[in-house]
Amino acid sequence: MSETSGLFDIAIIGGGINGVAIARDAAGRGWNVHLCDKGDLGGATSSASTKLVHGGLRYLEYYEFRLVREALAEREVMWAIAPHIIRPLRFVLVHQRGLRPAWMLRLGLYLYDHLGGRRRLPATSVRHLAEGPLGAPLKPRFKLGFEYSDCWVDDARLVVLTALDAAIRGATIAPRTRCLGAVREQGTWRLTLRDERSGAAQEIRARALVNAAGPWVAEVLATVLHDPAPAPVRLVQGSHIVVRRLYDHDRCYLFQEPDGRIVFAIPYEDDFTLIGTTDLDFAGDLDHVVASEGEIDYLCRGASQYFRRAITPVDVLWSYSGVRPLYGAKANRAQDTTRDYVLKLDVPSGDVGALLSVFGGKITTCRRLAEAALALLAPYLPPPSTNPAGWTASRPLPGGDFAVGGFETLHADIARRFPFLPPATTRRLVHAYGTRANLLLEGVRGPGDLGRDFGAGLTERELQYLVQHEFAATAEDVLWRRSKLGLRLTPAQAEAVAAAMEGLA
C-alpha cells in the first residue's frame, strides 16, 4: 500500500454512534477517514438504547443543565436531518403520591420547555387522567399527569445511516475489522487491523487516532494502545423488555419508581410496547450482555405498579441490554453517574500523533460530540477542504431528503407505484429507508422482481440492498438492527434469512 493510500488523517476505533458521527463530520470536511469495528456497526450499546432523542428530563435533578440544554436543542436538529427514522412523541409523566411532588414536576417541565430553544415540538400540558383515553390503561388511583414532547429514533438505523453518509463522502468504513494494535511511529499512528471474517491482516497509518470503542474504551487504551494508566470508566448496564401492546393510543408513559428511577412505556413497532430501563453496575463479559432475570422482574413490577393489567416475565417477548461507558466512578449509585460525554486528548510531544478518547455520550448529542471532538483534533490535521464546522446540522442523512409534503407524500407515491406491496410493508420501507426506498425498489415491476419473501414483507431484494449499501453481513444484522423483523418472523423463517445471508455476504 502506498503512503498516499495508506495515510489517513483520522483513524477511528469503534463503529457505535459516537464513532460514526465523528467519521461523518470529518469526511464531510474533506479529511481522509478510516473507521473500524470488531463487530457490526452499532452492534452493542448504540442499538440497545430506549430509542429516544430527548433532553433527559431526570438529569435536571442532578443539575446537568449544560447537557440537558444541548440535548434539547439537538432534538429538532436531529428530527430535521432524519425525518424518516426520527419522529415526535408525546409523553405522559404520571404523578405518584409520595414521590416527586406535582410542583416539582411542573417546574422541571417548565425548564424542559424553555431551556433548549424548542420551536416545532408542542409544549407541556396538564392531563387529568380520569378523563379520556390516557388514564384508561392505568390504575384508577392515578389522577394527574403532565404531557410533554420528545422524539423517538430507530437507534441502530441512525448508526448505519450516519456511517453510510460518511462512506458516501469518502470515508472507509470497515465493520468486522479488529484493531490489534496501534503505535506512534514517525509522527503518525500505525494501526494493525484484522478482518474478522477472512483473517486477513493489514496496516494503515493515520495522523490522529480516535478511541470511540464505547464500553471497550478502557480495554482499547490498555491492550491496544498499551496505556498503563487506568481509565476512570464506570460500566452501567441498562436493560429493556418488549411485550404485546398494552394500550391503543400513541402516547408514551413515564413512570416514577420508589427507588428514584423512572421507567418508560413506549408504543413500539406498531404491535408492541417497549419498557425500560434499568441502571446497574456491570462487571461481566462485554461480548455477552443480556438482561438478567432480576432486571426483567424489576421492569415488570415497575410497570405493573401503574398499569391495570399486571405484567409478568411470561409476557416478555424479547429483551435486550447494553452497557454505557460513563466517565468517573465517584457517585454512590450507577443512576447518579453523569451521562455527559467527556473527551480526553493526548498529544505527548511535537504536536504529532494525537489520540482522542471518547467517554460517555448520548445518541441525542452525537452530532455535537463529533463537532467537539474535531475541534480538539483540528490543530493536528491539515486544514479542512470542503464543509465548515457545523455542516452536519443542515444536511440530511441518507433517505432524509424529503420533498414538500414529507413522509406522507413519499409514502403515497411509493404505494401508487408499487400497488402489489402490502400497506404495512410500504410504510415500513418508507420509515426505514426514506427516499432511498426508491433505490431499493429500482427496476421492480411486480412481486416476482422482489425474490423470495421470508415473512413480514422481508424479501431477497431487501437483503441484497442491505448487504450492498448498509454493511449487513448476518441475519442478526438484518433482523435485530437494520430492522426489528425478528419480532415477527418464526424460527424457521429466521433460519432461512440466515442461509440467504450466507450466500450474499
Protein backbone atom coordinates (compact mmCIF):
# COMPACT_ATOMS: atom_id res chain seq x y z
CA MET A 1 0.00 0.00 0.00
CA SER A 2 1.43 3.36 -0.99
CA GLU A 3 1.90 6.18 1.50
CA THR A 4 -0.86 8.20 -0.17
CA SER A 5 -3.47 5.47 0.03
CA GLY A 6 -2.28 4.21 3.42
CA LEU A 7 -2.07 7.53 5.27
CA PHE A 8 -5.38 8.68 6.71
CA ASP A 9 -6.00 11.93 8.50
CA ILE A 10 -8.12 10.22 11.16
CA ALA A 11 -8.45 6.58 12.19
CA ILE A 12 -11.40 5.70 14.42
CA ILE A 13 -11.74 2.58 16.56
CA GLY A 14 -15.42 1.95 17.22
CA GLY A 15 -18.49 1.89 14.99
CA GLY A 16 -21.09 2.97 17.52
CA ILE A 17 -22.95 6.25 17.28
CA ASN A 18 -20.02 8.37 18.50
CA GLY A 19 -17.52 6.83 16.11
CA VAL A 20 -19.73 7.08 13.03
CA ALA A 21 -20.79 10.64 13.89
CA ILE A 22 -17.14 11.71 14.06
CA ALA A 23 -16.45 9.86 10.78
CA ARG A 24 -19.36 11.57 9.03
CA ASP A 25 -18.43 15.06 10.18
CA ALA A 26 -14.75 14.59 9.39
CA ALA A 27 -15.36 13.10 5.94
CA GLY A 28 -17.73 15.94 5.14
CA ARG A 29 -14.98 18.44 5.91
CA GLY A 30 -12.63 16.72 3.46
CA TRP A 31 -10.48 14.74 5.87
CA ASN A 32 -9.50 11.20 4.91
CA VAL A 33 -11.12 8.87 7.46
CA HIS A 34 -10.83 5.18 8.31
CA LEU A 35 -13.27 3.63 10.81
CA CYS A 36 -13.10 0.05 12.05
CA ASP A 37 -15.16 -2.00 14.48
CA LYS A 38 -14.60 -5.59 15.54
CA GLY A 39 -18.32 -6.31 15.05
CA ASP A 40 -21.32 -4.82 13.29
CA LEU A 41 -21.94 -1.08 13.21
CA GLY A 42 -23.98 -0.19 16.28
CA GLY A 43 -23.73 -3.80 17.34
CA ALA A 44 -23.59 -3.11 21.07
CA THR A 45 -24.65 -0.13 23.19
CA SER A 46 -25.83 2.08 20.33
CA SER A 47 -28.56 -0.37 19.31
CA ALA A 48 -29.60 -1.08 22.91
CA SER A 49 -30.99 2.30 23.93
CA THR A 50 -34.52 3.37 24.88
CA LYS A 51 -34.83 4.66 21.27
CA LEU A 52 -35.24 8.30 22.30
CA VAL A 53 -33.89 11.62 21.07
CA HIS A 54 -34.55 13.56 24.24
CA GLY A 55 -33.20 16.13 26.64
CA GLY A 56 -33.08 13.80 29.61
CA LEU A 57 -35.72 15.16 31.96
CA ARG A 58 -34.35 13.45 35.06
CA TYR A 59 -30.87 14.92 34.52
CA LEU A 60 -32.28 18.24 35.73
CA GLU A 61 -32.36 16.70 39.21
CA TYR A 62 -28.58 16.36 39.01
CA TYR A 63 -28.14 19.98 37.80
CA GLU A 64 -26.75 18.83 34.45
CA PHE A 65 -28.13 21.94 32.77
CA ARG A 66 -25.49 22.11 30.03
CA LEU A 67 -26.15 18.53 28.96
CA VAL A 68 -29.93 18.99 29.03
CA ARG A 69 -29.79 22.31 27.15
CA GLU A 70 -27.58 20.86 24.41
CA ALA A 71 -29.73 17.72 24.12
CA LEU A 72 -32.99 19.68 23.99
CA ALA A 73 -31.65 21.89 21.21
CA GLU A 74 -30.48 18.82 19.28
CA ARG A 75 -33.89 17.09 19.29
CA GLU A 76 -35.26 19.23 16.48
CA VAL A 77 -31.96 19.33 14.59
CA MET A 78 -31.81 15.53 14.54
CA TRP A 79 -35.50 15.27 13.61
CA ALA A 80 -34.92 17.63 10.67
CA ILE A 81 -31.99 15.70 9.21
CA ALA A 82 -33.52 12.23 9.66
CA PRO A 83 -37.32 12.59 9.49
CA HIS A 84 -37.78 9.01 8.28
CA ILE A 85 -36.22 7.42 11.38
CA ILE A 86 -36.93 10.17 13.94
CA ARG A 87 -40.40 11.40 14.82
CA PRO A 88 -42.01 13.36 17.65
CA LEU A 89 -43.74 11.65 20.55
CA ARG A 90 -45.84 12.87 23.45
CA PHE A 91 -45.02 11.52 26.90
CA VAL A 92 -47.30 11.39 29.90
CA LEU A 93 -45.42 11.82 33.17
CA VAL A 94 -47.71 10.26 35.77
CA HIS A 95 -47.85 11.89 39.20
CA GLN A 96 -47.40 9.37 42.00
CA ARG A 97 -48.31 10.47 45.52
CA GLY A 98 -45.41 10.18 47.95
CA LEU A 99 -42.73 10.60 45.28
CA ARG A 100 -41.78 13.80 43.42
CA PRO A 101 -44.46 16.42 44.25
CA ALA A 102 -46.58 17.93 41.50
CA TRP A 103 -44.94 21.36 41.89
CA MET A 104 -41.53 19.82 41.24
CA LEU A 105 -42.75 18.08 38.10
CA ARG A 106 -44.31 21.34 36.86
CA LEU A 107 -41.09 23.25 37.48
CA GLY A 108 -38.95 20.61 35.79
CA LEU A 109 -41.18 20.55 32.73
CA TYR A 110 -41.24 24.35 32.56
CA LEU A 111 -37.43 24.29 32.37
CA TYR A 112 -37.62 21.43 29.88
CA ASP A 113 -39.87 23.50 27.62
CA HIS A 114 -37.74 26.66 27.74
CA LEU A 115 -34.13 25.57 28.24
CA GLY A 116 -33.33 24.30 24.77
CA GLY A 117 -34.99 26.60 22.25
CA ARG A 118 -38.00 24.41 21.42
CA ARG A 119 -39.58 25.51 18.13
CA ARG A 120 -41.65 22.78 16.44
CA LEU A 121 -42.46 20.47 19.32
CA PRO A 122 -45.60 21.30 21.33
CA ALA A 123 -45.30 22.49 24.93
CA THR A 124 -46.23 20.71 28.16
CA SER A 125 -49.87 20.44 29.17
CA VAL A 126 -51.69 19.11 32.23
CA ARG A 127 -53.73 15.93 31.79
CA HIS A 128 -56.49 14.76 34.12
CA LEU A 129 -56.19 11.03 33.76
CA ALA A 130 -59.73 10.24 34.89
CA GLU A 131 -60.92 11.81 31.62
CA GLY A 132 -60.25 10.39 28.17
CA PRO A 133 -58.07 7.54 26.93
CA LEU A 134 -54.79 8.45 28.66
CA GLY A 135 -55.94 7.15 32.03
CA ALA A 136 -57.80 4.11 30.66
CA PRO A 137 -54.86 1.63 30.83
CA LEU A 138 -53.74 2.94 34.24
CA LYS A 139 -54.92 2.08 37.72
CA PRO A 140 -57.75 4.34 38.93
CA ARG A 141 -55.68 5.95 41.69
CA PHE A 142 -53.57 7.89 39.17
CA LYS A 143 -55.43 11.15 38.60
CA LEU A 144 -52.85 13.63 37.34
CA GLY A 145 -50.32 13.60 34.53
CA PHE A 146 -48.16 16.06 32.59
CA GLU A 147 -47.86 15.62 28.84
CA TYR A 148 -44.65 16.82 27.21
CA SER A 149 -42.67 16.32 23.98
CA ASP A 150 -39.58 14.37 22.98
CA CYS A 151 -38.68 12.28 19.92
CA TRP A 152 -38.36 8.60 19.06
CA VAL A 153 -35.46 7.26 16.99
CA ASP A 154 -34.55 3.97 15.37
CA ASP A 155 -31.15 3.94 17.06
CA ALA A 156 -29.50 1.17 15.04
CA ARG A 157 -30.59 2.70 11.75
CA LEU A 158 -29.28 6.09 12.89
CA VAL A 159 -25.85 4.49 13.31
CA VAL A 160 -25.94 2.75 9.93
CA LEU A 161 -27.20 5.78 8.00
CA THR A 162 -24.60 8.01 9.63
CA ALA A 163 -21.90 5.54 8.60
CA LEU A 164 -23.38 5.33 5.10
CA ASP A 165 -23.24 9.10 4.75
CA ALA A 166 -19.62 9.06 5.90
CA ALA A 167 -18.85 6.43 3.26
CA ILE A 168 -20.65 8.42 0.56
CA ARG A 169 -18.42 11.36 1.49
CA GLY A 170 -15.25 9.29 1.13
CA ALA A 171 -14.68 7.59 4.48
CA THR A 172 -13.52 3.99 4.64
CA ILE A 173 -15.99 2.11 6.86
CA ALA A 174 -14.73 -1.31 7.96
CA PRO A 175 -17.06 -3.26 10.25
CA ARG A 176 -15.93 -6.70 11.46
CA THR A 177 -12.36 -5.42 11.44
CA ARG A 178 -10.48 -5.60 14.72
CA CYS A 179 -7.66 -3.25 15.64
CA LEU A 180 -4.96 -5.49 17.08
CA GLY A 181 -2.54 -2.73 17.96
CA ALA A 182 -1.72 0.93 17.42
CA VAL A 183 1.63 2.60 18.00
CA ARG A 184 3.01 6.07 17.41
CA GLU A 185 5.73 5.87 14.79
CA GLN A 186 7.48 8.64 12.85
CA GLY A 187 4.90 11.23 13.81
CA THR A 188 1.85 9.17 12.89
CA TRP A 189 -0.12 6.21 14.20
CA ARG A 190 0.49 2.77 12.73
CA LEU A 191 -2.53 0.50 13.15
CA THR A 192 -2.57 -3.25 12.63
CA LEU A 193 -6.03 -4.47 11.58
CA ARG A 194 -7.54 -7.91 11.07
CA ASP A 195 -10.64 -8.80 9.05
CA GLU A 196 -12.64 -10.94 11.48
CA ARG A 197 -14.24 -12.99 8.69
CA SER A 198 -11.27 -13.76 6.44
CA GLY A 199 -8.47 -13.40 8.98
CA ALA A 200 -6.56 -11.14 6.56
CA ALA A 201 -4.36 -8.51 8.20
CA GLN A 202 -3.38 -5.05 7.01
CA GLU A 203 -1.66 -1.95 8.28
CA ILE A 204 -2.74 1.65 7.91
CA ARG A 205 -1.31 4.93 9.12
CA ALA A 206 -3.14 7.95 10.48
CA ARG A 207 -2.23 11.41 11.68
CA ALA A 208 -4.75 11.21 14.53
CA LEU A 209 -6.48 8.34 16.31
CA VAL A 210 -9.91 8.33 17.95
CA ASN A 211 -10.76 5.71 20.57
CA ALA A 212 -14.56 5.59 20.36
CA ALA A 213 -14.88 1.96 21.43
CA GLY A 214 -17.81 2.57 23.76
CA PRO A 215 -17.77 0.19 26.73
CA TRP A 216 -14.44 -1.18 25.43
CA VAL A 217 -12.80 2.28 25.60
CA ALA A 218 -10.70 1.41 28.65
CA GLU A 219 -9.82 -2.02 27.23
CA VAL A 220 -8.59 -0.43 23.99
CA LEU A 221 -6.46 2.00 25.96
CA ALA A 222 -4.92 -0.82 27.98
CA THR A 223 -4.49 -3.63 25.44
CA VAL A 224 -4.40 -1.96 22.01
CA LEU A 225 -2.67 1.31 22.89
CA HIS A 226 -0.74 -0.08 25.88
CA ASP A 227 -1.58 2.88 28.10
CA PRO A 228 -0.61 1.89 31.66
CA ALA A 229 -2.88 4.46 33.35
CA PRO A 230 -6.31 3.01 34.24
CA ALA A 231 -9.20 4.96 32.72
CA PRO A 232 -11.89 6.15 35.18
CA VAL A 233 -14.76 4.37 33.46
CA ARG A 234 -17.94 3.14 35.14
CA LEU A 235 -19.77 0.49 33.14
CA VAL A 236 -23.52 0.73 33.67
CA GLN A 237 -25.98 -1.80 32.29
CA GLY A 238 -29.39 -0.77 31.00
CA SER A 239 -31.97 -3.39 30.00
CA HIS A 240 -35.33 -3.27 28.25
CA ILE A 241 -38.22 -5.64 27.65
CA VAL A 242 -40.79 -5.84 24.86
CA VAL A 243 -44.35 -7.11 25.42
CA ARG A 244 -47.54 -7.17 23.39
CA ARG A 245 -49.12 -3.74 23.00
CA LEU A 246 -50.62 -2.66 26.32
CA TYR A 247 -52.90 0.15 25.13
CA ASP A 248 -54.40 1.63 21.97
CA HIS A 249 -53.33 5.28 21.87
CA ASP A 250 -49.99 6.67 20.64
CA ARG A 251 -48.73 8.34 23.84
CA CYS A 252 -45.80 7.12 25.92
CA TYR A 253 -45.74 6.90 29.70
CA LEU A 254 -43.07 7.93 32.14
CA PHE A 255 -43.44 6.19 35.50
CA GLN A 256 -41.70 7.17 38.73
CA GLU A 257 -40.36 4.28 40.76
CA PRO A 258 -39.89 4.18 44.56
CA ASP A 259 -36.10 3.89 44.18
CA GLY A 260 -35.97 7.25 42.38
CA ARG A 261 -35.60 5.80 38.90
CA ILE A 262 -38.03 6.27 36.07
CA VAL A 263 -39.38 3.66 33.66
CA PHE A 264 -40.65 4.36 30.15
CA ALA A 265 -43.50 2.52 28.42
CA ILE A 266 -43.42 3.31 24.69
CA PRO A 267 -45.50 2.11 21.72
CA TYR A 268 -43.08 0.03 19.66
CA GLU A 269 -43.14 -1.38 16.13
CA ASP A 270 -46.96 -0.97 15.92
CA ASP A 271 -47.92 -4.10 17.85
CA PHE A 272 -45.70 -3.96 20.93
CA THR A 273 -44.77 -1.92 24.00
CA LEU A 274 -41.17 -1.22 24.98
CA ILE A 275 -40.45 -0.92 28.71
CA GLY A 276 -37.15 0.27 30.19
CA THR A 277 -34.62 0.92 31.50
CA THR A 278 -32.50 -0.32 34.39
CA ASP A 279 -29.26 1.15 35.80
CA LEU A 280 -26.85 -1.38 37.30
CA ASP A 281 -23.08 -1.53 37.60
CA PHE A 282 -21.75 -4.09 35.12
CA ALA A 283 -18.81 -6.42 35.66
CA GLY A 284 -19.49 -9.25 33.21
CA ASP A 285 -18.46 -10.17 29.66
CA LEU A 286 -18.97 -7.19 27.34
CA ASP A 287 -19.36 -9.54 24.39
CA HIS A 288 -22.34 -11.26 26.02
CA VAL A 289 -24.59 -8.66 27.65
CA VAL A 290 -28.10 -9.88 28.43
CA ALA A 291 -30.93 -8.70 30.64
CA SER A 292 -30.86 -10.58 33.92
CA GLU A 293 -33.90 -12.23 35.49
CA GLY A 294 -33.73 -9.59 38.22
CA GLU A 295 -33.83 -6.74 35.71
CA ILE A 296 -36.74 -8.28 33.82
CA ASP A 297 -38.62 -8.76 37.07
CA TYR A 298 -37.85 -5.16 38.10
CA LEU A 299 -39.26 -3.75 34.85
CA CYS A 300 -42.35 -5.96 35.04
CA ARG A 301 -43.03 -4.91 38.64
CA GLY A 302 -42.32 -1.27 37.88
CA ALA A 303 -44.81 -1.14 35.02
CA SER A 304 -47.37 -3.21 36.93
CA GLN A 305 -47.41 -0.56 39.65
CA TYR A 306 -49.15 1.69 37.13
CA PHE A 307 -50.98 -0.40 34.53
CA ARG A 308 -54.30 -2.04 35.37
CA ARG A 309 -53.03 -5.18 33.69
CA ALA A 310 -50.27 -6.97 35.58
CA ILE A 311 -47.13 -7.65 33.53
CA THR A 312 -45.04 -10.72 34.32
CA PRO A 313 -41.87 -12.21 32.85
CA VAL A 314 -44.08 -14.68 30.95
CA ASP A 315 -45.35 -11.71 28.89
CA VAL A 316 -41.86 -10.72 27.72
CA LEU A 317 -41.37 -11.48 24.02
CA TRP A 318 -37.88 -10.05 23.77
CA SER A 319 -35.34 -8.37 26.00
CA TYR A 320 -32.13 -6.57 25.19
CA SER A 321 -29.38 -4.94 27.17
CA GLY A 322 -26.49 -2.55 26.63
CA VAL A 323 -23.60 -1.21 28.68
CA ARG A 324 -22.89 2.51 28.87
CA PRO A 325 -19.28 3.65 29.48
CA LEU A 326 -19.75 6.56 31.88
CA TYR A 327 -16.86 8.75 32.95
CA GLY A 328 -15.96 8.76 36.64
CA ALA A 329 -16.70 6.41 39.48
CA LYS A 330 -17.43 8.74 42.41
CA ALA A 331 -21.23 8.53 42.51
CA ASN A 332 -22.66 6.06 45.04
CA ARG A 333 -25.28 4.75 42.62
CA ALA A 334 -24.93 3.91 38.93
CA GLN A 335 -28.00 6.03 38.14
CA ASP A 336 -26.27 9.10 39.65
CA THR A 337 -23.20 8.96 37.38
CA THR A 338 -23.08 11.72 34.77
CA ARG A 339 -24.42 10.94 31.27
CA ASP A 340 -22.45 13.81 29.78
CA TYR A 341 -19.67 13.00 27.35
CA VAL A 342 -16.01 13.55 28.20
CA LEU A 343 -13.27 13.90 25.57
CA LYS A 344 -9.66 13.28 26.57
CA LEU A 345 -6.91 14.46 24.19
CA ASP A 346 -3.40 13.04 24.44
CA VAL A 347 -0.60 14.62 22.37
CA PRO A 348 2.65 13.65 24.11
CA SER A 349 5.14 15.78 22.22
CA GLY A 350 5.84 17.55 18.96
CA ASP A 351 2.18 18.09 18.13
CA VAL A 352 2.03 14.75 16.31
CA GLY A 353 0.15 11.52 16.83
CA ALA A 354 -2.90 12.96 18.56
CA LEU A 355 -5.08 10.50 20.46
CA LEU A 356 -8.65 11.35 21.44
CA SER A 357 -10.61 9.04 23.75
CA VAL A 358 -14.38 9.35 23.98
CA PHE A 359 -16.19 8.55 27.22
CA GLY A 360 -19.96 8.51 27.67
CA GLY A 361 -22.33 10.39 25.43
CA LYS A 362 -25.95 10.11 24.35
CA ILE A 363 -27.47 9.31 21.00
CA THR A 364 -29.18 12.70 21.09
CA THR A 365 -25.92 14.63 21.29
CA CYS A 366 -23.82 12.52 18.92
CA ARG A 367 -23.60 15.28 16.32
CA ARG A 368 -22.44 17.86 18.87
CA LEU A 369 -19.97 15.39 20.35
CA ALA A 370 -18.48 14.95 16.88
CA GLU A 371 -18.11 18.70 16.47
CA ALA A 372 -16.38 18.97 19.84
CA ALA A 373 -14.07 16.05 19.02
CA LEU A 374 -12.99 17.55 15.71
CA ALA A 375 -12.45 20.95 17.30
CA LEU A 376 -9.85 19.27 19.53
CA LEU A 377 -8.24 17.34 16.67
CA ALA A 378 -8.25 20.10 14.04
CA PRO A 379 -4.93 21.71 15.14
CA TYR A 380 -3.17 18.40 14.37
CA LEU A 381 -4.74 17.89 10.93
CA PRO A 382 -4.48 19.57 7.52
CA PRO A 383 -6.96 22.43 7.03
CA PRO A 384 -10.47 21.19 6.12
CA SER A 385 -11.05 21.37 2.38
CA THR A 386 -14.83 21.26 1.99
CA ASN A 387 -17.59 21.96 4.52
CA PRO A 388 -17.02 24.14 7.58
CA ALA A 389 -17.73 23.11 11.16
CA GLY A 390 -21.45 22.78 11.80
CA TRP A 391 -22.38 21.47 8.37
CA THR A 392 -24.00 18.32 9.79
CA ALA A 393 -26.85 20.35 11.30
CA SER A 394 -28.40 21.09 7.92
CA ARG A 395 -27.54 18.13 5.65
CA PRO A 396 -30.00 15.22 5.80
CA LEU A 397 -28.88 11.69 6.43
CA PRO A 398 -29.37 9.27 3.51
CA GLY A 399 -33.08 8.94 2.80
CA GLY A 400 -33.99 12.03 4.82
CA ASP A 401 -34.20 14.44 1.88
CA PHE A 402 -37.99 14.57 1.85
CA ALA A 403 -39.73 16.86 -0.61
CA VAL A 404 -42.67 19.11 0.23
CA GLY A 405 -45.29 17.02 2.00
CA GLY A 406 -42.71 14.92 3.76
CA PHE A 407 -43.27 11.34 4.77
CA GLU A 408 -46.93 11.05 3.74
CA THR A 409 -46.28 12.33 0.22
CA LEU A 410 -43.43 9.87 -0.27
CA HIS A 411 -45.49 7.05 1.21
CA ALA A 412 -48.39 7.81 -1.13
CA ASP A 413 -46.05 7.89 -4.14
CA ILE A 414 -44.44 4.53 -3.28
CA ALA A 415 -47.88 2.97 -2.65
CA ARG A 416 -49.12 4.24 -6.02
CA ARG A 417 -46.11 2.97 -8.00
CA PHE A 418 -45.88 -0.37 -6.23
CA PRO A 419 -49.51 -1.32 -5.52
CA PHE A 420 -48.62 -5.00 -5.04
CA LEU A 421 -46.72 -4.20 -1.82
CA PRO A 422 -48.78 -4.79 1.34
CA PRO A 423 -49.60 -1.45 3.03
CA ALA A 424 -47.66 -2.41 6.18
CA THR A 425 -44.59 -3.23 4.09
CA THR A 426 -44.81 0.02 2.14
CA ARG A 427 -44.99 2.04 5.34
CA ARG A 428 -42.11 0.11 6.90
CA LEU A 429 -39.88 0.63 3.87
CA VAL A 430 -40.52 4.37 3.81
CA HIS A 431 -39.92 4.68 7.55
CA ALA A 432 -36.68 2.69 7.33
CA TYR A 433 -35.20 3.97 4.07
CA GLY A 434 -36.95 7.26 3.35
CA THR A 435 -36.26 8.39 -0.21
CA ARG A 436 -33.77 5.54 -0.62
CA ALA A 437 -36.75 3.20 -0.77
CA ASN A 438 -36.75 4.23 -4.44
CA LEU A 439 -33.23 2.82 -4.79
CA LEU A 440 -34.21 -0.41 -3.05
CA LEU A 441 -37.21 -0.82 -5.40
CA GLU A 442 -35.47 0.36 -8.56
CA GLY A 443 -36.45 -1.79 -11.55
CA VAL A 444 -39.16 -3.67 -9.65
CA ARG A 445 -42.23 -4.23 -11.84
CA GLY A 446 -44.03 -6.89 -9.86
CA PRO A 447 -43.75 -9.20 -6.85
CA GLY A 448 -41.52 -11.59 -8.76
CA ASP A 449 -38.80 -8.96 -9.02
CA LEU A 450 -38.53 -8.86 -5.22
CA GLY A 451 -37.49 -12.51 -4.98
CA ARG A 452 -38.37 -14.72 -2.05
CA ASP A 453 -40.48 -13.31 0.77
CA PHE A 454 -39.08 -14.62 4.04
CA GLY A 455 -42.03 -13.30 6.04
CA ALA A 456 -43.33 -9.93 7.27
CA GLY A 457 -42.51 -8.42 3.87
CA LEU A 458 -38.75 -9.08 4.06
CA THR A 459 -37.59 -10.08 0.59
CA GLU A 460 -34.44 -11.13 -1.19
CA ARG A 461 -34.33 -7.71 -2.84
CA GLU A 462 -34.17 -6.04 0.59
CA LEU A 463 -31.45 -8.41 1.78
CA GLN A 464 -29.39 -7.61 -1.29
CA TYR A 465 -29.84 -3.90 -0.68
CA LEU A 466 -28.75 -4.21 2.96
CA VAL A 467 -25.62 -6.14 2.03
CA GLN A 468 -24.67 -3.82 -0.83
CA HIS A 469 -25.47 -0.48 0.82
CA GLU A 470 -25.77 -0.88 4.58
CA PHE A 471 -22.86 -3.12 5.63
CA ALA A 472 -25.12 -6.05 6.68
CA ALA A 473 -23.50 -9.50 6.82
CA THR A 474 -25.63 -11.72 9.06
CA ALA A 475 -29.26 -12.44 9.80
CA GLU A 476 -28.86 -10.73 13.18
CA ASP A 477 -27.68 -7.56 11.43
CA VAL A 478 -30.89 -7.58 9.38
CA LEU A 479 -33.48 -8.87 11.85
CA TRP A 480 -32.43 -7.00 15.00
CA ARG A 481 -30.55 -3.90 13.85
CA ARG A 482 -31.40 -2.84 10.26
CA SER A 483 -34.97 -3.83 11.19
CA LYS A 484 -36.82 -5.35 14.12
CA LEU A 485 -38.44 -8.04 12.00
CA GLY A 486 -37.01 -10.62 14.37
CA LEU A 487 -40.10 -9.86 16.48
CA ARG A 488 -42.33 -11.13 13.66
CA LEU A 489 -40.51 -14.00 11.97
CA THR A 490 -40.75 -17.60 13.12
CA PRO A 491 -37.54 -19.50 13.96
CA ALA A 492 -37.78 -21.32 10.64
CA GLN A 493 -38.11 -18.04 8.74
CA ALA A 494 -35.15 -16.56 10.63
CA GLU A 495 -33.07 -19.61 9.72
CA ALA A 496 -33.98 -19.10 6.07
CA VAL A 497 -32.79 -15.49 6.30
CA ALA A 498 -29.53 -16.69 7.84
CA ALA A 499 -28.99 -19.15 4.98
CA ALA A 500 -29.72 -16.46 2.39
CA MET A 501 -27.31 -14.04 4.05
CA GLU A 502 -24.52 -16.62 3.95
CA GLY A 503 -24.90 -16.64 0.18
CA LEU A 504 -24.89 -12.86 -0.11
CA ALA A 505 -22.33 -11.52 2.37
